[in-house]
Amino acid sequence: MRYTNRSTCSILVFFALMCLSGESNRSTTAAAPVARDAASPVDLPDSFPGKKTAWHGYDRYDFPVDGRACIVVTPRQCAVGRPWIWRARFFGHEPQTDLALLKVGFHVVYCDVSNLFGNPAAVAHWNACYRFLTTEHRFARQVALEGMSRGGLIIYNWAAANPEKVSCIYGDAPVCDFKSWPGGKGRGKGHPASWQACLKAYGLTEQQGLDYRGNPIDQLKPLADAKIPLLHVVGEADDVVPVSENTDVLLDRYRKLGGRIEVIRKPGVGHHPHSLKDPAPIVEFVLKHTKSRIAPKGDEDR
């Protein structure tokens, strides 16, 4: 799909339709919210540890989990099922999708593992964050994942290890193979200092890094088996995270596995800017594949 600035369907119209019908091709055991979530009042107040501040008019909480800095931004009124979107890297950058989802009752979550490049330690930290939010705060058992740039490494590696916990994945100019970035072993610029940091994070030598087969492009079968839908937004002129070495490779392999993936391509655009000026296609994708019936009230004026 090529993105233009022509107006898209109204998010509110789409949202209303979603309230009437819950599209689902996913397994029924993973799709339904747990009973206690479904039975909970949607306006159940949130109480998180740490420092409370304001973020675009919403309550933001900063606190550590498993030794990592975490952020939770709460909606004015939580949607039924307590849905959430989990952002990887660059919290607050091009926030239009996150703000639109807050408006309809999603929580926005961030757990900083940026210096680990999606390695097993990063996955373990995210496991701890997931346990905390789903047990202590009754968040939905399935989460929408959002990864910009290097954030693609952790969202895909975590999803491969936890496919039953993922409702959908939105990648924005995502790194899908660390040999491309930060390695710079193909057409991209690469980043030598980050490449060395990446190898150190994984405990690999240069040659082992080149031979490594645990990148997102190598771990797609669990996602395809779980029927996880994917959406990528990319700039066709990206020379930092080249589309041909990342998204296009992932797209080809995922479709061969029977997976569903949509790519929105921005002609003439490089690595930046991320997202879309009008995030409606991204928001509609997340809402379509979120299993809760979203019916927030009281957020109309934000």
C-alpha atoms as a PDB file:
ATOM      1  CA  MET A   1       0.000   0.000   0.000  1.00  0.00           C
ATOM      2  CA  ARG A   2       1.338   3.452  -0.869  1.00  0.00           C
ATOM      3  CA  TYR A   3       0.449   6.155   1.633  1.00  0.00           C
ATOM      4  CA  THR A   4      -1.061   9.484   0.542  1.00  0.00           C
ATOM      5  CA  ASN A   5      -2.537  12.389   2.478  1.00  0.00           C
ATOM      6  CA  ARG A   6      -6.069  11.759   1.278  1.00  0.00           C
ATOM      7  CA  SER A   7      -8.424  11.455   4.201  1.00  0.00           C
ATOM      8  CA  THR A   8      -8.951   7.994   5.577  1.00  0.00           C
ATOM      9  CA  CYS A   9     -12.079   6.550   7.137  1.00  0.00           C
ATOM     10  CA  SER A  10     -12.950   8.092  10.446  1.00  0.00           C
ATOM     11  CA  ILE A  11     -11.448   6.280  13.411  1.00  0.00           C
ATOM     12  CA  LEU A  12     -14.686   6.800  15.297  1.00  0.00           C
ATOM     13  CA  VAL A  13     -16.754   5.135  12.573  1.00  0.00           C
ATOM     14  CA  PHE A  14     -14.378   2.201  12.501  1.00  0.00           C
ATOM     15  CA  PHE A  15     -14.392   2.041  16.256  1.00  0.00           C
ATOM     16  CA  ALA A  16     -18.166   1.924  16.387  1.00  0.00           C
ATOM     17  CA  LEU A  17     -18.185  -0.959  13.925  1.00  0.00           C
ATOM     18  CA  MET A  18     -15.648  -2.811  16.021  1.00  0.00           C
ATOM     19  CA  CYS A  19     -17.888  -2.503  19.047  1.00  0.00           C
ATOM     20  CA  LEU A  20     -20.543  -4.424  17.125  1.00  0.00           C
ATOM     21  CA  SER A  21     -18.357  -7.198  15.926  1.00  0.00           C
ATOM     22  CA  GLY A  22     -15.119  -8.808  17.108  1.00  0.00           C
ATOM     23  CA  GLU A  23     -13.142  -9.970  14.083  1.00  0.00           C
ATOM     24  CA  SER A  24     -11.125 -13.047  14.897  1.00  0.00           C
ATOM     25  CA  ASN A  25      -9.068 -15.564  13.000  1.00  0.00           C
ATOM     26  CA  ARG A  26      -6.846 -16.157  15.985  1.00  0.00           C
ATOM     27  CA  SER A  27      -7.101 -19.062  18.385  1.00  0.00           C
ATOM     28  CA  THR A  28     -10.036 -18.671  20.760  1.00  0.00           C
ATOM     29  CA  THR A  29      -8.026 -19.569  23.833  1.00  0.00           C
ATOM     30  CA  ALA A  30      -5.649 -16.664  23.319  1.00  0.00           C
ATOM     31  CA  ALA A  31      -8.149 -14.174  21.942  1.00  0.00           C
ATOM     32  CA  ALA A  32     -10.682 -13.790  24.745  1.00  0.00           C
ATOM     33  CA  PRO A  33      -9.855 -11.527  27.667  1.00  0.00           C
ATOM     34  CA  VAL A  34      -9.655 -13.325  31.007  1.00  0.00           C
ATOM     35  CA  ALA A  35     -12.974 -13.377  32.847  1.00  0.00           C
ATOM     36  CA  ARG A  36     -11.910 -11.063  35.630  1.00  0.00           C
ATOM     37  CA  ASP A  37     -10.879  -8.418  33.074  1.00  0.00           C
ATOM     38  CA  ALA A  38     -14.168  -8.654  31.229  1.00  0.00           C
ATOM     39  CA  ALA A  39     -16.101  -8.377  34.489  1.00  0.00           C
ATOM     40  CA  SER A  40     -14.106  -5.432  35.834  1.00  0.00           C
ATOM     41  CA  PRO A  41     -15.547  -1.910  35.658  1.00  0.00           C
ATOM     42  CA  VAL A  42     -13.929   0.040  32.848  1.00  0.00           C
ATOM     43  CA  ASP A  43     -13.325   3.008  35.136  1.00  0.00           C
ATOM     44  CA  LEU A  44     -11.321   1.029  37.710  1.00  0.00           C
ATOM     45  CA  PRO A  45      -8.687   3.525  38.924  1.00  0.00           C
ATOM     46  CA  ASP A  46      -5.043   2.780  38.193  1.00  0.00           C
ATOM     47  CA  SER A  47      -2.453   3.009  40.942  1.00  0.00           C
ATOM     48  CA  PHE A  48       1.127   2.560  39.800  1.00  0.00           C
ATOM     49  CA  PRO A  49       4.340   3.009  41.769  1.00  0.00           C
ATOM     50  CA  GLY A  50       6.957   5.659  41.066  1.00  0.00           C
ATOM     51  CA  LYS A  51       6.745   9.245  39.896  1.00  0.00           C
ATOM     52  CA  LYS A  52       3.482  10.604  38.497  1.00  0.00           C
ATOM     53  CA  THR A  53       3.591  13.353  35.858  1.00  0.00           C
ATOM     54  CA  ALA A  54       1.434  14.554  32.957  1.00  0.00           C
ATOM     55  CA  TRP A  55       1.984  13.459  29.353  1.00  0.00           C
ATOM     56  CA  HIS A  56      -0.167  15.197  26.731  1.00  0.00           C
ATOM     57  CA  GLY A  57      -2.835  15.610  29.400  1.00  0.00           C
ATOM     58  CA  TYR A  58      -2.775  11.972  30.533  1.00  0.00           C
ATOM     59  CA  ASP A  59      -1.318  10.541  33.735  1.00  0.00           C
ATOM     60  CA  ARG A  60       2.165   9.110  33.289  1.00  0.00           C
ATOM     61  CA  TYR A  61       3.936   6.861  35.797  1.00  0.00           C
ATOM     62  CA  ASP A  62       7.696   6.150  35.773  1.00  0.00           C
ATOM     63  CA  PHE A  63       8.998   3.217  37.825  1.00  0.00           C
ATOM     64  CA  PRO A  64      11.470   0.334  37.586  1.00  0.00           C
ATOM     65  CA  VAL A  65      10.591  -3.277  36.820  1.00  0.00           C
ATOM     66  CA  ASP A  66      13.313  -5.911  36.904  1.00  0.00           C
ATOM     67  CA  GLY A  67      15.908  -3.172  37.036  1.00  0.00           C
ATOM     68  CA  ARG A  68      14.675  -1.422  33.868  1.00  0.00           C
ATOM     69  CA  ALA A  69      12.986   1.953  33.504  1.00  0.00           C
ATOM     70  CA  CYS A  70       9.307   1.549  32.679  1.00  0.00           C
ATOM     71  CA  ILE A  71       6.561   4.001  31.764  1.00  0.00           C
ATOM     72  CA  VAL A  72       2.799   3.538  31.862  1.00  0.00           C
ATOM     73  CA  VAL A  73       0.439   6.204  30.540  1.00  0.00           C
ATOM     74  CA  THR A  74      -3.171   5.716  31.577  1.00  0.00           C
ATOM     75  CA  PRO A  75      -6.321   6.662  29.661  1.00  0.00           C
ATOM     76  CA  ARG A  76      -8.980   8.807  31.287  1.00  0.00           C
ATOM     77  CA  GLN A  77     -11.216   5.750  31.282  1.00  0.00           C
ATOM     78  CA  CYS A  78      -9.964   2.259  30.535  1.00  0.00           C
ATOM     79  CA  ALA A  79     -11.625   0.245  27.790  1.00  0.00           C
ATOM     80  CA  VAL A  80     -13.240  -3.067  28.637  1.00  0.00           C
ATOM     81  CA  GLY A  81     -10.602  -5.801  28.786  1.00  0.00           C
ATOM     82  CA  ARG A  82      -7.841  -3.290  29.697  1.00  0.00           C
ATOM     83  CA  PRO A  83      -6.119  -3.270  26.273  1.00  0.00           C
ATOM     84  CA  TRP A  84      -2.628  -1.834  25.891  1.00  0.00           C
ATOM     85  CA  ILE A  85       0.000  -1.007  23.325  1.00  0.00           C
ATOM     86  CA  TRP A  86       3.620  -1.732  24.222  1.00  0.00           C
ATOM     87  CA  ARG A  87       6.096   0.631  22.669  1.00  0.00           C
ATOM     88  CA  ALA A  88       9.747  -0.237  22.114  1.00  0.00           C
ATOM     89  CA  ARG A  89      12.320   2.538  21.920  1.00  0.00           C
ATOM     90  CA  PHE A  90      11.914   6.295  21.399  1.00  0.00           C
ATOM     91  CA  PHE A  91       9.036   6.838  23.798  1.00  0.00           C
ATOM     92  CA  GLY A  92       7.167  10.015  22.902  1.00  0.00           C
ATOM     93  CA  HIS A  93       8.533  10.316  19.356  1.00  0.00           C
ATOM     94  CA  GLU A  94       5.760  10.816  16.777  1.00  0.00           C
ATOM     95  CA  PRO A  95       3.154   9.951  19.436  1.00  0.00           C
ATOM     96  CA  GLN A  96       0.031  10.340  17.297  1.00  0.00           C
ATOM     97  CA  THR A  97      -0.830   6.629  17.288  1.00  0.00           C
ATOM     98  CA  ASP A  98      -0.336   6.312  21.045  1.00  0.00           C
ATOM     99  CA  LEU A  99      -2.466   9.393  21.710  1.00  0.00           C
ATOM    100  CA  ALA A 100      -5.267   8.115  19.493  1.00  0.00           C
ATOM    101  CA  LEU A 101      -5.278   4.794  21.339  1.00  0.00           C
ATOM    102  CA  LEU A 102      -5.245   6.512  24.736  1.00  0.00           C
ATOM    103  CA  LYS A 103      -8.327   8.391  23.615  1.00  0.00           C
ATOM    104  CA  VAL A 104     -10.239   5.133  23.079  1.00  0.00           C
ATOM    105  CA  GLY A 105      -9.158   3.553  26.357  1.00  0.00           C
ATOM    106  CA  PHE A 106      -5.776   1.887  25.783  1.00  0.00           C
ATOM    107  CA  HIS A 107      -2.852   2.079  28.170  1.00  0.00           C
ATOM    108  CA  VAL A 108       0.520   2.972  26.607  1.00  0.00           C
ATOM    109  CA  VAL A 109       3.534   1.094  28.008  1.00  0.00           C
ATOM    110  CA  TYR A 110       7.281   1.447  27.560  1.00  0.00           C
ATOM    111  CA  CYS A 111      10.100  -0.683  29.014  1.00  0.00           C
ATOM    112  CA  ASP A 112      13.593   0.557  28.181  1.00  0.00           C
ATOM    113  CA  VAL A 113      15.872  -2.198  26.894  1.00  0.00           C
ATOM    114  CA  SER A 114      17.365  -0.128  24.078  1.00  0.00           C
ATOM    115  CA  ASN A 115      21.017  -0.949  24.779  1.00  0.00           C
ATOM    116  CA  LEU A 116      20.368  -4.694  24.560  1.00  0.00           C
ATOM    117  CA  PHE A 117      19.313  -4.868  20.889  1.00  0.00           C
ATOM    118  CA  GLY A 118      16.562  -7.407  21.536  1.00  0.00           C
ATOM    119  CA  ASN A 119      18.898 -10.014  23.056  1.00  0.00           C
ATOM    120  CA  PRO A 120      17.717 -12.777  25.438  1.00  0.00           C
ATOM    121  CA  ALA A 121      18.283 -10.512  28.455  1.00  0.00           C
ATOM    122  CA  ALA A 122      15.987  -7.907  26.896  1.00  0.00           C
ATOM    123  CA  VAL A 123      13.323 -10.568  26.323  1.00  0.00           C
ATOM    124  CA  ALA A 124      13.637 -11.625  29.982  1.00  0.00           C
ATOM    125  CA  HIS A 125      13.165  -8.029  31.163  1.00  0.00           C
ATOM    126  CA  TRP A 126      10.061  -7.708  28.999  1.00  0.00           C
ATOM    127  CA  ASN A 127       8.762 -10.984  30.412  1.00  0.00           C
ATOM    128  CA  ALA A 128       9.028  -9.486  33.899  1.00  0.00           C
ATOM    129  CA  CYS A 129       7.244  -6.306  32.814  1.00  0.00           C
ATOM    130  CA  TYR A 130       4.475  -8.323  31.175  1.00  0.00           C
ATOM    131  CA  ARG A 131       3.984 -10.424  34.329  1.00  0.00           C
ATOM    132  CA  PHE A 132       3.769  -7.319  36.483  1.00  0.00           C
ATOM    133  CA  LEU A 133       1.183  -5.587  34.317  1.00  0.00           C
ATOM    134  CA  THR A 134      -1.014  -8.627  33.670  1.00  0.00           C
ATOM    135  CA  THR A 135      -1.012  -9.888  37.257  1.00  0.00           C
ATOM    136  CA  GLU A 136      -0.828  -6.745  39.392  1.00  0.00           C
ATOM    137  CA  HIS A 137      -2.869  -4.523  37.089  1.00  0.00           C
ATOM    138  CA  ARG A 138      -4.971  -7.023  35.156  1.00  0.00           C
ATOM    139  CA  PHE A 139      -3.890  -5.788  31.736  1.00  0.00           C
ATOM    140  CA  ALA A 140      -5.176  -7.791  28.763  1.00  0.00           C
ATOM    141  CA  ARG A 141      -3.326 -11.048  28.226  1.00  0.00           C
ATOM    142  CA  GLN A 142      -2.663 -10.106  24.607  1.00  0.00           C
ATOM    143  CA  VAL A 143      -0.836  -6.900  23.771  1.00  0.00           C
ATOM    144  CA  ALA A 144      -0.318  -4.864  20.612  1.00  0.00           C
ATOM    145  CA  LEU A 145       3.403  -4.304  19.989  1.00  0.00           C
ATOM    146  CA  GLU A 146       4.851  -1.120  18.486  1.00  0.00           C
ATOM    147  CA  GLY A 147       8.495  -0.831  17.436  1.00  0.00           C
ATOM    148  CA  MET A 148      10.248   2.038  15.678  1.00  0.00           C
ATOM    149  CA  SER A 149      13.681   1.536  14.119  1.00  0.00           C
ATOM    150  CA  ARG A 150      15.840  -0.623  16.452  1.00  0.00           C
ATOM    151  CA  GLY A 151      12.679  -1.277  18.457  1.00  0.00           C
ATOM    152  CA  GLY A 152      11.875  -3.862  15.792  1.00  0.00           C
ATOM    153  CA  LEU A 153      14.467  -6.185  17.308  1.00  0.00           C
ATOM    154  CA  ILE A 154      12.812  -6.492  20.715  1.00  0.00           C
ATOM    155  CA  ILE A 155       9.186  -6.561  19.563  1.00  0.00           C
ATOM    156  CA  TYR A 156       9.848  -9.414  17.164  1.00  0.00           C
ATOM    157  CA  ASN A 157      12.175 -11.354  19.437  1.00  0.00           C
ATOM    158  CA  TRP A 158       9.759 -11.060  22.353  1.00  0.00           C
ATOM    159  CA  ALA A 159       6.825 -12.053  20.138  1.00  0.00           C
ATOM    160  CA  ALA A 160       8.711 -15.100  18.857  1.00  0.00           C
ATOM    161  CA  ALA A 161       9.224 -16.213  22.459  1.00  0.00           C
ATOM    162  CA  ASN A 162       5.642 -15.327  23.503  1.00  0.00           C
ATOM    163  CA  PRO A 163       3.371 -15.591  20.446  1.00  0.00           C
ATOM    164  CA  GLU A 164       0.281 -16.396  22.510  1.00  0.00           C
ATOM    165  CA  LYS A 165       0.616 -13.034  24.281  1.00  0.00           C
ATOM    166  CA  VAL A 166       0.554 -10.858  21.134  1.00  0.00           C
ATOM    167  CA  SER A 167      -2.540  -9.528  19.364  1.00  0.00           C
ATOM    168  CA  CYS A 168      -0.735  -7.722  16.536  1.00  0.00           C
ATOM    169  CA  ILE A 169       2.566  -6.047  15.636  1.00  0.00           C
ATOM    170  CA  TYR A 170       3.117  -2.580  14.192  1.00  0.00           C
ATOM    171  CA  GLY A 171       6.683  -1.959  13.013  1.00  0.00           C
ATOM    172  CA  ASP A 172       7.782   1.484  11.836  1.00  0.00           C
ATOM    173  CA  ALA A 173      10.971   1.439   9.727  1.00  0.00           C
ATOM    174  CA  PRO A 174      11.852  -1.537  11.930  1.00  0.00           C
ATOM    175  CA  VAL A 175      15.219  -3.231  12.149  1.00  0.00           C
ATOM    176  CA  CYS A 176      14.560  -6.876  11.275  1.00  0.00           C
ATOM    177  CA  ASP A 177      18.179  -8.034  10.930  1.00  0.00           C
ATOM    178  CA  PHE A 178      21.002  -6.537  12.994  1.00  0.00           C
ATOM    179  CA  LYS A 179      23.477  -7.288  10.212  1.00  0.00           C
ATOM    180  CA  SER A 180      21.737  -4.514   8.259  1.00  0.00           C
ATOM    181  CA  TRP A 181      21.621  -2.086  11.190  1.00  0.00           C
ATOM    182  CA  PRO A 182      23.746  -1.491  13.164  1.00  0.00           C
ATOM    183  CA  GLY A 183      26.005  -3.897  11.252  1.00  0.00           C
ATOM    184  CA  GLY A 184      25.903  -2.021   7.954  1.00  0.00           C
ATOM    185  CA  LYS A 185      26.831  -5.236   6.117  1.00  0.00           C
ATOM    186  CA  GLY A 186      24.566  -4.510   3.167  1.00  0.00           C
ATOM    187  CA  ARG A 187      23.322  -1.322   1.550  1.00  0.00           C
ATOM    188  CA  GLY A 188      22.711   0.617   4.750  1.00  0.00           C
ATOM    189  CA  LYS A 189      25.014   3.083   6.518  1.00  0.00           C
ATOM    190  CA  GLY A 190      25.327   1.038   9.664  1.00  0.00           C
ATOM    191  CA  HIS A 191      26.735   2.381  12.917  1.00  0.00           C
ATOM    192  CA  PRO A 192      30.119   0.919  13.929  1.00  0.00           C
ATOM    193  CA  ALA A 193      29.923   1.814  17.630  1.00  0.00           C
ATOM    194  CA  SER A 194      26.402   0.380  17.933  1.00  0.00           C
ATOM    195  CA  TRP A 195      27.475  -2.729  16.013  1.00  0.00           C
ATOM    196  CA  GLN A 196      30.185  -3.402  18.572  1.00  0.00           C
ATOM    197  CA  ALA A 197      27.704  -2.767  21.391  1.00  0.00           C
ATOM    198  CA  CYS A 198      25.256  -5.179  19.743  1.00  0.00           C
ATOM    199  CA  LEU A 199      27.861  -7.924  19.440  1.00  0.00           C
ATOM    200  CA  LYS A 200      28.797  -7.405  23.091  1.00  0.00           C
ATOM    201  CA  ALA A 201      25.154  -7.558  24.171  1.00  0.00           C
ATOM    202  CA  TYR A 202      24.766 -10.933  22.450  1.00  0.00           C
ATOM    203  CA  GLY A 203      28.220 -12.207  23.427  1.00  0.00           C
ATOM    204  CA  LEU A 204      29.196 -12.733  19.788  1.00  0.00           C
ATOM    205  CA  THR A 205      32.349 -12.274  17.772  1.00  0.00           C
ATOM    206  CA  GLU A 206      32.184 -10.458  14.436  1.00  0.00           C
ATOM    207  CA  GLN A 207      31.942 -13.714  12.504  1.00  0.00           C
ATOM    208  CA  GLN A 208      29.400 -15.172  14.915  1.00  0.00           C
ATOM    209  CA  GLY A 209      27.318 -12.041  14.445  1.00  0.00           C
ATOM    210  CA  LEU A 210      27.384 -12.483  10.684  1.00  0.00           C
ATOM    211  CA  ASP A 211      26.395 -16.140  11.050  1.00  0.00           C
ATOM    212  CA  TYR A 212      23.707 -15.515  13.695  1.00  0.00           C
ATOM    213  CA  ARG A 213      20.268 -16.899  12.884  1.00  0.00           C
ATOM    214  CA  GLY A 214      18.192 -15.450  15.704  1.00  0.00           C
ATOM    215  CA  ASN A 215      17.125 -12.173  14.116  1.00  0.00           C
ATOM    216  CA  PRO A 216      13.449 -11.298  13.568  1.00  0.00           C
ATOM    217  CA  ILE A 217      13.650 -12.449   9.935  1.00  0.00           C
ATOM    218  CA  ASP A 218      14.756 -15.882  11.237  1.00  0.00           C
ATOM    219  CA  GLN A 219      12.040 -16.367  13.891  1.00  0.00           C
ATOM    220  CA  LEU A 220       8.778 -15.882  12.047  1.00  0.00           C
ATOM    221  CA  LYS A 221       7.261 -19.364  12.212  1.00  0.00           C
ATOM    222  CA  PRO A 222       5.874 -19.028  15.768  1.00  0.00           C
ATOM    223  CA  LEU A 223       4.180 -15.788  14.730  1.00  0.00           C
ATOM    224  CA  ALA A 224       2.711 -17.274  11.560  1.00  0.00           C
ATOM    225  CA  ASP A 225       1.507 -20.350  13.458  1.00  0.00           C
ATOM    226  CA  ALA A 226      -0.222 -18.038  15.948  1.00  0.00           C
ATOM    227  CA  LYS A 227      -1.736 -16.044  13.047  1.00  0.00           C
ATOM    228  CA  ILE A 228      -0.364 -12.737  14.346  1.00  0.00           C
ATOM    229  CA  PRO A 229      -1.143  -9.916  11.870  1.00  0.00           C
ATOM    230  CA  LEU A 230       1.696  -7.522  11.045  1.00  0.00           C
ATOM    231  CA  LEU A 231       1.756  -3.937   9.791  1.00  0.00           C
ATOM    232  CA  HIS A 232       4.916  -2.122   8.698  1.00  0.00           C
ATOM    233  CA  VAL A 233       5.187   1.569   7.810  1.00  0.00           C
ATOM    234  CA  VAL A 234       8.360   2.321   5.851  1.00  0.00           C
ATOM    235  CA  GLY A 235      10.018   5.067   3.843  1.00  0.00           C
ATOM    236  CA  GLU A 236      10.987   3.782   0.415  1.00  0.00           C
ATOM    237  CA  ALA A 237      14.194   5.866   0.431  1.00  0.00           C
ATOM    238  CA  ASP A 238      15.392   4.658   3.855  1.00  0.00           C
ATOM    239  CA  ASP A 239      19.195   4.303   3.722  1.00  0.00           C
ATOM    240  CA  VAL A 240      19.594   3.700   7.476  1.00  0.00           C
ATOM    241  CA  VAL A 241      17.366   0.622   7.760  1.00  0.00           C
ATOM    242  CA  PRO A 242      16.974  -0.308   4.081  1.00  0.00           C
ATOM    243  CA  VAL A 243      13.567  -1.745   3.265  1.00  0.00           C
ATOM    244  CA  SER A 244      15.098  -4.354   0.945  1.00  0.00           C
ATOM    245  CA  GLU A 245      17.199  -5.826   3.792  1.00  0.00           C
ATOM    246  CA  ASN A 246      14.587  -5.650   6.513  1.00  0.00           C
ATOM    247  CA  THR A 247      10.871  -5.282   5.832  1.00  0.00           C
ATOM    248  CA  ASP A 248      10.949  -6.832   2.341  1.00  0.00           C
ATOM    249  CA  VAL A 249      12.837  -9.898   3.567  1.00  0.00           C
ATOM    250  CA  LEU A 250      10.439 -10.300   6.480  1.00  0.00           C
ATOM    251  CA  LEU A 251       7.404  -9.782   4.233  1.00  0.00           C
ATOM    252  CA  ASP A 252       8.513 -12.451   1.763  1.00  0.00           C
ATOM    253  CA  ARG A 253       9.309 -15.011   4.462  1.00  0.00           C
ATOM    254  CA  TYR A 254       6.166 -14.327   6.498  1.00  0.00           C
ATOM    255  CA  ARG A 255       3.860 -14.704   3.526  1.00  0.00           C
ATOM    256  CA  LYS A 256       5.558 -17.949   2.543  1.00  0.00           C
ATOM    257  CA  LEU A 257       4.742 -19.195   6.057  1.00  0.00           C
ATOM    258  CA  GLY A 258       1.101 -18.243   5.537  1.00  0.00           C
ATOM    259  CA  GLY A 259       1.268 -15.121   7.688  1.00  0.00           C
ATOM    260  CA  ARG A 260      -0.663 -11.902   7.136  1.00  0.00           C
ATOM    261  CA  ILE A 261       1.322  -8.698   6.693  1.00  0.00           C
ATOM    262  CA  GLU A 262       0.500  -5.275   5.266  1.00  0.00           C
ATOM    263  CA  VAL A 263       3.142  -2.698   4.329  1.00  0.00           C
ATOM    264  CA  ILE A 264       2.440   1.022   3.963  1.00  0.00           C
ATOM    265  CA  ARG A 265       5.180   2.538   1.803  1.00  0.00           C
ATOM    266  CA  LYS A 266       5.945   6.270   1.822  1.00  0.00           C
ATOM    267  CA  PRO A 267       7.417   7.275  -1.564  1.00  0.00           C
ATOM    268  CA  GLY A 268      10.551   9.417  -1.391  1.00  0.00           C
ATOM    269  CA  VAL A 269      10.734   9.257   2.403  1.00  0.00           C
ATOM    270  CA  GLY A 270      13.847   8.144   4.263  1.00  0.00           C
ATOM    271  CA  HIS A 271      14.204   6.724   7.763  1.00  0.00           C
ATOM    272  CA  HIS A 272      12.485   9.833   9.149  1.00  0.00           C
ATOM    273  CA  PRO A 273       9.852  10.956   9.794  1.00  0.00           C
ATOM    274  CA  HIS A 274       8.370   7.889  11.451  1.00  0.00           C
ATOM    275  CA  SER A 275       4.652   7.103  11.600  1.00  0.00           C
ATOM    276  CA  LEU A 276       2.003   8.860   9.479  1.00  0.00           C
ATOM    277  CA  LYS A 277       0.696  12.405   9.814  1.00  0.00           C
ATOM    278  CA  ASP A 278      -2.760  10.885  10.002  1.00  0.00           C
ATOM    279  CA  PRO A 279      -2.337   7.703  12.069  1.00  0.00           C
ATOM    280  CA  ALA A 280      -5.824   6.387  11.239  1.00  0.00           C
ATOM    281  CA  PRO A 281      -4.601   3.341   9.234  1.00  0.00           C
ATOM    282  CA  ILE A 282      -2.315   2.315  12.112  1.00  0.00           C
ATOM    283  CA  VAL A 283      -4.973   2.878  14.768  1.00  0.00           C
ATOM    284  CA  GLU A 284      -7.583   0.993  12.753  1.00  0.00           C
ATOM    285  CA  PHE A 285      -5.164  -1.922  12.366  1.00  0.00           C
ATOM    286  CA  VAL A 286      -4.598  -2.108  16.125  1.00  0.00           C
ATOM    287  CA  LEU A 287      -8.300  -1.801  16.945  1.00  0.00           C
ATOM    288  CA  LYS A 288      -9.230  -4.433  14.382  1.00  0.00           C
ATOM    289  CA  HIS A 289      -6.920  -6.974  15.924  1.00  0.00           C
ATOM    290  CA  THR A 290      -7.482  -6.171  19.581  1.00  0.00           C
ATOM    291  CA  LYS A 291      -9.798  -8.692  21.151  1.00  0.00           C
ATOM    292  CA  SER A 292     -11.444  -6.444  23.735  1.00  0.00           C
ATOM    293  CA  ARG A 293     -14.685  -4.673  22.870  1.00  0.00           C
ATOM    294  CA  ILE A 294     -13.699  -1.077  23.287  1.00  0.00           C
ATOM    295  CA  ALA A 295     -16.339   1.209  24.742  1.00  0.00           C
ATOM    296  CA  PRO A 296     -14.752   4.131  26.572  1.00  0.00           C
ATOM    297  CA  LYS A 297     -16.706   7.150  27.763  1.00  0.00           C
ATOM    298  CA  GLY A 298     -15.671  10.573  28.929  1.00  0.00           C
ATOM    299  CA  ASP A 299     -12.638  11.020  26.632  1.00  0.00           C
ATOM    300  CA  GLU A 300     -14.411  12.804  23.799  1.00  0.00           C
ATOM    301  CA  ASP A 301     -12.909  16.222  24.476  1.00  0.00           C
ATOM    302  CA  ARG A 302      -9.231  15.258  24.479  1.00  0.00           C
END
